[in-house]
């Protein structure tokens, strides 16, 4: 009997992943594309249900991923070299989990081979977000949903 091969995210470091492997760690929840507010007193980061103008509110995928920085210059490009800064990502995020040496959850597409599982499990904000074009920035505080960290 052949030995079971560990999945790439368990046998490689983040820096060893190729672009396709890196991108596949994204579960498609869209939470990283929600607008966040920082508490000036304690530095806490609060997620709102206000989505980036490029995020599809149902699929939770960027509508212009390859050129997003042209339209959203402050869009954060996640890289393996930033892994020590991933605490602001949701605790369910594949990038954060792998960086912390934790297992991917059962609904992650790399585990269950179903990109809809993240939505079916209620992890994503599919159908529960507002576009940033629909809410004045001064009103974002009224739409906070959780604190990162």
N, C-alpha and C. Protein backbone atom coordinates (compact mmCIF):
# COMPACT_ATOMS: atom_id res chain seq x y z
N UNK A 1 0.83 -1.17 0.00
CA UNK A 1 0.00 0.00 0.00
C UNK A 1 0.89 1.25 0.00
N UNK A 2 0.54 2.23 -0.84
CA UNK A 2 1.32 3.45 -0.95
C UNK A 2 1.06 4.36 0.26
N UNK A 3 2.09 5.05 0.66
CA UNK A 3 1.96 5.99 1.77
C UNK A 3 1.11 7.18 1.33
N UNK A 4 0.27 7.67 2.22
CA UNK A 4 -0.58 8.82 1.92
C UNK A 4 0.30 10.08 1.87
N UNK A 5 0.15 10.84 0.81
CA UNK A 5 0.91 12.07 0.65
C UNK A 5 0.15 13.21 1.32
N UNK A 6 0.83 13.93 2.17
CA UNK A 6 0.23 15.08 2.83
C UNK A 6 -0.13 16.14 1.78
N UNK A 7 -1.22 16.88 1.98
CA UNK A 7 -1.57 17.94 1.04
C UNK A 7 -0.48 19.02 1.03
N UNK A 8 -0.40 19.75 -0.07
CA UNK A 8 0.68 20.72 -0.26
C UNK A 8 0.77 21.73 0.87
N UNK A 9 -0.36 22.17 1.42
CA UNK A 9 -0.32 23.20 2.47
C UNK A 9 0.21 22.67 3.79
N UNK A 10 0.33 21.35 3.92
CA UNK A 10 0.90 20.77 5.13
C UNK A 10 2.37 20.40 4.94
N UNK A 11 2.79 20.16 3.71
CA UNK A 11 4.17 19.74 3.49
C UNK A 11 5.07 20.86 2.97
N UNK A 12 4.50 22.00 2.63
CA UNK A 12 5.29 23.14 2.14
C UNK A 12 5.12 24.33 3.08
N UNK A 13 6.11 25.18 3.10
CA UNK A 13 5.96 26.45 3.80
C UNK A 13 5.20 27.39 2.87
N UNK A 14 4.67 28.46 3.41
CA UNK A 14 3.96 29.43 2.57
C UNK A 14 4.85 29.95 1.44
N UNK A 15 6.11 30.17 1.75
CA UNK A 15 7.04 30.70 0.76
C UNK A 15 7.32 29.70 -0.36
N UNK A 16 7.10 28.41 -0.12
CA UNK A 16 7.34 27.38 -1.13
C UNK A 16 6.16 27.17 -2.07
N UNK A 17 5.02 27.75 -1.76
CA UNK A 17 3.84 27.56 -2.60
C UNK A 17 3.98 28.29 -3.92
N UNK A 18 3.51 27.65 -5.00
CA UNK A 18 3.47 28.36 -6.28
C UNK A 18 2.20 29.23 -6.29
N UNK A 19 2.05 30.05 -7.30
CA UNK A 19 0.94 31.01 -7.35
C UNK A 19 -0.43 30.30 -7.30
N UNK A 20 -0.57 29.21 -8.02
CA UNK A 20 -1.84 28.48 -8.03
C UNK A 20 -2.16 27.90 -6.65
N UNK A 21 -1.16 27.33 -6.00
CA UNK A 21 -1.36 26.79 -4.66
C UNK A 21 -1.74 27.91 -3.68
N UNK A 22 -1.01 29.03 -3.77
CA UNK A 22 -1.28 30.17 -2.90
C UNK A 22 -2.72 30.64 -3.06
N UNK A 23 -3.13 30.87 -4.31
CA UNK A 23 -4.47 31.36 -4.59
C UNK A 23 -5.53 30.37 -4.12
N UNK A 24 -5.24 29.07 -4.19
CA UNK A 24 -6.23 28.05 -3.81
C UNK A 24 -6.48 28.02 -2.30
N UNK A 25 -5.63 28.65 -1.52
CA UNK A 25 -5.88 28.73 -0.07
C UNK A 25 -7.07 29.64 0.24
N UNK A 26 -7.40 30.52 -0.70
CA UNK A 26 -8.57 31.39 -0.52
C UNK A 26 -9.82 30.53 -0.59
N UNK A 27 -10.67 30.64 0.44
CA UNK A 27 -11.90 29.84 0.47
C UNK A 27 -13.06 30.53 -0.22
N UNK A 28 -12.87 31.80 -0.63
CA UNK A 28 -13.93 32.51 -1.34
C UNK A 28 -15.00 33.11 -0.44
N UNK A 29 -14.65 33.32 0.83
CA UNK A 29 -15.64 33.87 1.76
C UNK A 29 -15.88 35.36 1.53
N UNK A 30 -14.88 36.08 1.01
CA UNK A 30 -15.02 37.51 0.76
C UNK A 30 -14.84 38.39 1.99
N UNK A 31 -14.62 37.80 3.15
CA UNK A 31 -14.53 38.60 4.37
C UNK A 31 -13.37 39.60 4.34
N UNK A 32 -12.27 39.24 3.68
CA UNK A 32 -11.14 40.17 3.64
C UNK A 32 -11.47 41.40 2.79
N UNK A 33 -12.52 41.31 1.98
CA UNK A 33 -12.92 42.43 1.12
C UNK A 33 -13.98 43.32 1.76
N UNK A 34 -14.31 43.04 3.01
CA UNK A 34 -15.22 43.92 3.74
C UNK A 34 -14.45 45.11 4.28
N UNK A 35 -15.09 46.24 4.36
CA UNK A 35 -14.46 47.43 4.91
C UNK A 35 -14.27 47.22 6.41
N UNK A 36 -13.15 47.71 6.89
CA UNK A 36 -12.81 47.55 8.29
C UNK A 36 -12.58 48.92 8.93
N UNK A 37 -12.87 48.98 10.21
CA UNK A 37 -12.65 50.20 10.97
C UNK A 37 -11.67 49.88 12.09
N UNK A 38 -10.76 50.81 12.35
CA UNK A 38 -9.77 50.60 13.40
C UNK A 38 -10.11 51.46 14.60
N UNK A 39 -10.11 50.85 15.78
CA UNK A 39 -10.33 51.57 17.03
C UNK A 39 -9.04 52.33 17.33
N UNK A 40 -9.13 53.64 17.38
CA UNK A 40 -7.94 54.47 17.59
C UNK A 40 -7.35 54.28 18.98
N UNK A 41 -8.16 53.88 19.94
CA UNK A 41 -7.67 53.72 21.31
C UNK A 41 -6.87 52.44 21.51
N UNK A 42 -7.41 51.31 21.03
CA UNK A 42 -6.71 50.04 21.28
C UNK A 42 -6.18 49.35 20.03
N UNK A 43 -6.38 49.96 18.85
CA UNK A 43 -5.87 49.38 17.61
C UNK A 43 -6.69 48.22 17.09
N UNK A 44 -7.79 47.88 17.75
CA UNK A 44 -8.65 46.77 17.30
C UNK A 44 -9.22 47.03 15.93
N UNK A 45 -9.39 45.96 15.16
CA UNK A 45 -9.94 46.06 13.82
C UNK A 45 -11.34 45.45 13.83
N UNK A 46 -12.31 46.22 13.36
CA UNK A 46 -13.70 45.79 13.32
C UNK A 46 -14.15 45.65 11.87
N UNK A 47 -14.71 44.50 11.56
CA UNK A 47 -15.25 44.26 10.23
C UNK A 47 -16.65 44.86 10.16
N UNK A 48 -16.98 45.41 9.00
CA UNK A 48 -18.34 45.88 8.74
C UNK A 48 -18.95 44.95 7.68
N UNK A 49 -20.22 45.09 7.43
CA UNK A 49 -20.84 44.32 6.36
C UNK A 49 -20.85 45.13 5.05
N UNK A 50 -19.98 46.13 5.01
CA UNK A 50 -19.84 46.98 3.82
C UNK A 50 -18.72 46.39 2.95
N UNK A 51 -19.07 45.99 1.74
CA UNK A 51 -18.12 45.33 0.85
C UNK A 51 -17.46 46.31 -0.11
N UNK A 52 -16.24 46.00 -0.47
CA UNK A 52 -15.52 46.73 -1.52
C UNK A 52 -16.43 46.83 -2.74
N UNK A 53 -16.33 47.94 -3.44
CA UNK A 53 -17.18 48.16 -4.61
C UNK A 53 -16.98 47.11 -5.70
N UNK A 54 -15.84 46.40 -5.69
CA UNK A 54 -15.57 45.39 -6.71
C UNK A 54 -16.06 43.99 -6.32
N UNK A 55 -16.50 43.82 -5.09
CA UNK A 55 -16.90 42.49 -4.64
C UNK A 55 -18.32 42.16 -5.11
N UNK A 56 -18.48 41.00 -5.72
CA UNK A 56 -19.81 40.51 -6.07
C UNK A 56 -20.48 40.09 -4.77
N UNK A 57 -21.63 40.67 -4.46
CA UNK A 57 -22.27 40.49 -3.15
C UNK A 57 -22.87 39.10 -2.95
N UNK A 58 -22.98 38.33 -4.02
CA UNK A 58 -23.51 36.97 -3.91
C UNK A 58 -22.41 35.92 -3.96
N UNK A 59 -21.53 36.03 -4.97
CA UNK A 59 -20.47 35.02 -5.12
C UNK A 59 -19.30 35.26 -4.18
N UNK A 60 -19.18 36.47 -3.64
CA UNK A 60 -18.07 36.87 -2.76
C UNK A 60 -16.73 36.82 -3.48
N UNK A 61 -16.73 37.04 -4.76
CA UNK A 61 -15.50 37.07 -5.56
C UNK A 61 -15.34 38.46 -6.16
N UNK A 62 -14.10 38.86 -6.34
CA UNK A 62 -13.80 40.15 -6.95
C UNK A 62 -14.23 40.13 -8.41
N UNK A 63 -14.90 41.19 -8.83
CA UNK A 63 -15.38 41.26 -10.21
C UNK A 63 -14.28 41.68 -11.18
N UNK A 64 -13.14 42.12 -10.65
CA UNK A 64 -12.02 42.52 -11.52
C UNK A 64 -10.70 42.23 -10.80
N UNK A 65 -10.52 40.98 -10.41
CA UNK A 65 -9.39 40.59 -9.56
C UNK A 65 -8.04 40.98 -10.16
N UNK A 66 -7.82 40.71 -11.43
CA UNK A 66 -6.49 40.94 -12.02
C UNK A 66 -6.14 42.44 -12.08
N UNK A 67 -7.14 43.31 -12.21
CA UNK A 67 -6.87 44.75 -12.32
C UNK A 67 -7.40 45.54 -11.12
N UNK A 68 -7.69 44.86 -10.02
CA UNK A 68 -8.35 45.51 -8.89
C UNK A 68 -7.58 46.71 -8.34
N UNK A 69 -6.26 46.66 -8.38
CA UNK A 69 -5.47 47.75 -7.79
C UNK A 69 -5.61 49.04 -8.59
N UNK A 70 -6.00 48.94 -9.86
CA UNK A 70 -6.25 50.15 -10.65
C UNK A 70 -7.48 50.90 -10.13
N UNK A 71 -8.47 50.14 -9.62
CA UNK A 71 -9.72 50.74 -9.18
C UNK A 71 -9.79 50.91 -7.67
N UNK A 72 -9.01 50.10 -6.95
CA UNK A 72 -8.96 50.16 -5.49
C UNK A 72 -7.47 50.14 -5.10
N UNK A 73 -6.82 51.31 -5.18
CA UNK A 73 -5.37 51.36 -4.95
C UNK A 73 -4.92 50.83 -3.60
N UNK A 74 -5.78 50.89 -2.58
CA UNK A 74 -5.39 50.41 -1.26
C UNK A 74 -5.81 48.96 -1.00
N UNK A 75 -6.21 48.25 -2.06
CA UNK A 75 -6.53 46.83 -1.92
C UNK A 75 -5.27 46.10 -1.46
N UNK A 76 -5.42 45.30 -0.43
CA UNK A 76 -4.26 44.61 0.15
C UNK A 76 -3.98 43.33 -0.62
N UNK A 77 -2.77 43.21 -1.11
CA UNK A 77 -2.33 42.00 -1.80
C UNK A 77 -1.67 41.11 -0.76
N UNK A 78 -2.32 39.99 -0.43
CA UNK A 78 -1.75 39.07 0.54
C UNK A 78 -0.58 38.32 -0.07
N UNK A 79 0.51 38.22 0.68
CA UNK A 79 1.68 37.48 0.23
C UNK A 79 2.19 36.61 1.38
N UNK A 80 2.91 35.53 1.06
CA UNK A 80 3.46 34.69 2.13
C UNK A 80 4.34 35.46 3.10
N UNK A 81 5.04 36.47 2.63
CA UNK A 81 5.93 37.24 3.48
C UNK A 81 5.21 38.05 4.55
N UNK A 82 3.90 38.18 4.42
CA UNK A 82 3.11 38.95 5.40
C UNK A 82 2.45 38.05 6.44
N UNK A 83 2.74 36.77 6.43
CA UNK A 83 2.02 35.80 7.27
C UNK A 83 1.98 36.20 8.74
N UNK A 84 3.02 36.88 9.22
CA UNK A 84 3.03 37.28 10.63
C UNK A 84 2.06 38.44 10.90
N UNK A 85 1.46 38.98 9.85
CA UNK A 85 0.50 40.08 10.00
C UNK A 85 -0.93 39.65 9.71
N UNK A 86 -1.20 38.36 9.60
CA UNK A 86 -2.52 37.87 9.19
C UNK A 86 -3.56 37.87 10.30
N UNK A 87 -3.23 38.40 11.49
CA UNK A 87 -4.18 38.38 12.60
C UNK A 87 -5.45 39.16 12.28
N UNK A 88 -5.36 40.11 11.37
CA UNK A 88 -6.55 40.90 11.02
C UNK A 88 -7.51 40.11 10.14
N UNK A 89 -7.03 39.01 9.56
CA UNK A 89 -7.91 38.18 8.74
C UNK A 89 -8.86 37.40 9.65
N UNK A 90 -10.02 37.02 9.13
CA UNK A 90 -10.95 36.26 9.98
C UNK A 90 -10.32 34.94 10.42
N UNK A 91 -10.70 34.43 11.57
CA UNK A 91 -10.10 33.19 12.08
C UNK A 91 -10.37 31.97 11.21
N UNK A 92 -11.32 32.07 10.28
CA UNK A 92 -11.63 30.97 9.37
C UNK A 92 -10.81 31.02 8.08
N UNK A 93 -10.05 32.08 7.87
CA UNK A 93 -9.32 32.29 6.62
C UNK A 93 -8.24 31.22 6.40
N UNK A 94 -8.25 30.63 5.20
CA UNK A 94 -7.26 29.61 4.87
C UNK A 94 -5.83 30.11 4.97
N UNK A 95 -5.58 31.33 4.55
CA UNK A 95 -4.22 31.90 4.64
C UNK A 95 -3.78 31.97 6.11
N UNK A 96 -4.65 32.48 6.93
CA UNK A 96 -4.33 32.63 8.36
C UNK A 96 -4.16 31.26 9.02
N UNK A 97 -5.07 30.33 8.74
CA UNK A 97 -4.99 29.00 9.34
C UNK A 97 -3.69 28.28 8.99
N UNK A 98 -3.33 28.32 7.71
CA UNK A 98 -2.09 27.65 7.28
C UNK A 98 -0.88 28.35 7.90
N UNK A 99 -0.90 29.67 7.92
CA UNK A 99 0.21 30.42 8.53
C UNK A 99 0.37 30.07 10.00
N UNK A 100 -0.74 29.77 10.68
CA UNK A 100 -0.71 29.42 12.10
C UNK A 100 -0.51 27.92 12.33
N UNK A 101 -0.32 27.15 11.26
CA UNK A 101 -0.09 25.72 11.38
C UNK A 101 -1.34 24.92 11.73
N UNK A 102 -2.51 25.48 11.43
CA UNK A 102 -3.77 24.82 11.75
C UNK A 102 -4.35 24.14 10.50
N UNK A 103 -5.28 23.23 10.73
CA UNK A 103 -5.94 22.53 9.63
C UNK A 103 -6.98 23.41 8.96
N UNK A 104 -7.22 23.15 7.69
CA UNK A 104 -8.31 23.81 6.99
C UNK A 104 -9.63 23.17 7.44
N UNK A 105 -10.69 23.95 7.51
CA UNK A 105 -11.99 23.41 7.96
C UNK A 105 -12.62 22.51 6.90
N UNK A 106 -13.57 21.68 7.31
CA UNK A 106 -14.20 20.72 6.40
C UNK A 106 -14.87 21.36 5.18
N UNK A 107 -15.35 22.60 5.31
CA UNK A 107 -16.03 23.27 4.21
C UNK A 107 -15.07 23.97 3.25
N UNK A 108 -13.78 23.98 3.52
CA UNK A 108 -12.82 24.64 2.62
C UNK A 108 -12.81 23.89 1.29
N UNK A 109 -12.82 24.61 0.16
CA UNK A 109 -12.84 23.94 -1.14
C UNK A 109 -11.70 22.95 -1.37
N UNK A 110 -10.54 23.17 -0.76
CA UNK A 110 -9.44 22.21 -0.91
C UNK A 110 -9.72 20.91 -0.17
N UNK A 111 -10.59 20.95 0.82
CA UNK A 111 -10.94 19.75 1.59
C UNK A 111 -12.13 19.02 0.96
N UNK A 112 -13.19 19.78 0.65
CA UNK A 112 -14.44 19.15 0.19
C UNK A 112 -14.65 19.22 -1.32
N UNK A 113 -13.78 19.95 -2.03
CA UNK A 113 -13.87 20.09 -3.48
C UNK A 113 -15.19 20.74 -3.93
N UNK A 114 -15.71 21.64 -3.10
CA UNK A 114 -16.97 22.32 -3.42
C UNK A 114 -16.83 23.81 -3.09
N UNK A 115 -16.68 24.66 -4.12
CA UNK A 115 -16.53 26.09 -3.86
C UNK A 115 -17.76 26.74 -3.23
N UNK A 116 -18.91 26.07 -3.27
CA UNK A 116 -20.12 26.61 -2.65
C UNK A 116 -20.21 26.29 -1.17
N UNK A 117 -19.38 25.38 -0.69
CA UNK A 117 -19.47 24.92 0.70
C UNK A 117 -19.28 26.06 1.69
N UNK A 118 -18.42 27.02 1.39
CA UNK A 118 -18.18 28.15 2.28
C UNK A 118 -19.47 28.97 2.46
N UNK A 119 -20.27 29.04 1.42
CA UNK A 119 -21.55 29.76 1.49
C UNK A 119 -22.59 28.90 2.22
N UNK A 120 -22.64 27.61 1.86
CA UNK A 120 -23.60 26.70 2.48
C UNK A 120 -23.38 26.59 3.99
N UNK A 121 -22.11 26.71 4.42
CA UNK A 121 -21.78 26.62 5.84
C UNK A 121 -22.05 27.94 6.59
N UNK A 122 -22.42 28.99 5.85
CA UNK A 122 -22.72 30.27 6.47
C UNK A 122 -21.48 31.05 6.88
N UNK A 123 -20.32 30.67 6.35
CA UNK A 123 -19.07 31.36 6.69
C UNK A 123 -18.96 32.68 5.93
N UNK A 124 -19.35 32.66 4.67
CA UNK A 124 -19.26 33.88 3.86
C UNK A 124 -20.39 34.84 4.22
N UNK A 125 -20.30 36.03 3.69
CA UNK A 125 -21.35 37.03 3.89
C UNK A 125 -22.24 37.12 2.65
N UNK A 126 -22.26 36.09 1.84
CA UNK A 126 -23.06 36.08 0.62
C UNK A 126 -24.51 36.47 0.91
N UNK A 127 -24.96 37.50 0.20
CA UNK A 127 -26.33 37.97 0.38
C UNK A 127 -26.58 38.79 1.63
N UNK A 128 -25.53 39.01 2.43
CA UNK A 128 -25.69 39.75 3.69
C UNK A 128 -24.82 41.00 3.75
N UNK A 129 -24.34 41.44 2.58
CA UNK A 129 -23.45 42.60 2.52
C UNK A 129 -24.13 43.75 1.79
N UNK A 130 -23.56 44.92 1.98
CA UNK A 130 -23.94 46.11 1.24
C UNK A 130 -22.70 46.60 0.51
N UNK A 131 -22.88 47.15 -0.67
CA UNK A 131 -21.74 47.71 -1.39
C UNK A 131 -21.34 49.04 -0.76
N UNK A 132 -20.05 49.33 -0.79
CA UNK A 132 -19.58 50.61 -0.26
C UNK A 132 -20.18 51.78 -1.04
N UNK A 133 -20.65 51.54 -2.24
CA UNK A 133 -21.27 52.61 -3.02
C UNK A 133 -22.68 52.93 -2.52
N UNK A 134 -23.24 52.06 -1.67
CA UNK A 134 -24.61 52.24 -1.19
C UNK A 134 -24.68 52.82 0.22
N UNK A 135 -23.53 52.97 0.89
CA UNK A 135 -23.53 53.44 2.28
C UNK A 135 -22.47 54.54 2.43
N UNK A 136 -22.87 55.66 2.97
CA UNK A 136 -21.92 56.75 3.21
C UNK A 136 -20.87 56.29 4.21
N UNK A 137 -19.62 56.66 3.97
CA UNK A 137 -18.52 56.23 4.84
C UNK A 137 -18.77 56.62 6.30
N UNK A 138 -19.40 57.76 6.53
CA UNK A 138 -19.71 58.20 7.90
C UNK A 138 -20.67 57.24 8.61
N UNK A 139 -21.38 56.40 7.86
CA UNK A 139 -22.36 55.48 8.44
C UNK A 139 -21.83 54.05 8.59
N UNK A 140 -20.60 53.79 8.21
CA UNK A 140 -20.05 52.43 8.26
C UNK A 140 -20.07 51.86 9.67
N UNK A 141 -19.85 52.72 10.66
CA UNK A 141 -19.80 52.26 12.05
C UNK A 141 -21.10 51.56 12.45
N UNK A 142 -22.21 51.93 11.84
CA UNK A 142 -23.51 51.33 12.14
C UNK A 142 -23.61 49.89 11.61
N UNK A 143 -22.63 49.48 10.82
CA UNK A 143 -22.68 48.17 10.16
C UNK A 143 -21.56 47.23 10.62
N UNK A 144 -20.99 47.48 11.80
CA UNK A 144 -19.93 46.59 12.31
C UNK A 144 -20.53 45.23 12.65
N UNK A 145 -19.76 44.16 12.33
CA UNK A 145 -20.28 42.79 12.58
C UNK A 145 -19.40 41.97 13.53
N UNK A 146 -18.09 42.18 13.51
CA UNK A 146 -17.23 41.47 14.48
C UNK A 146 -15.86 42.13 14.54
N UNK A 147 -15.15 41.82 15.61
CA UNK A 147 -13.79 42.31 15.82
C UNK A 147 -12.81 41.22 15.43
N UNK A 148 -11.78 41.59 14.67
CA UNK A 148 -10.74 40.63 14.27
C UNK A 148 -9.78 40.42 15.42
N UNK A 149 -9.11 39.29 15.38
CA UNK A 149 -8.04 39.06 16.36
C UNK A 149 -8.26 37.90 17.24
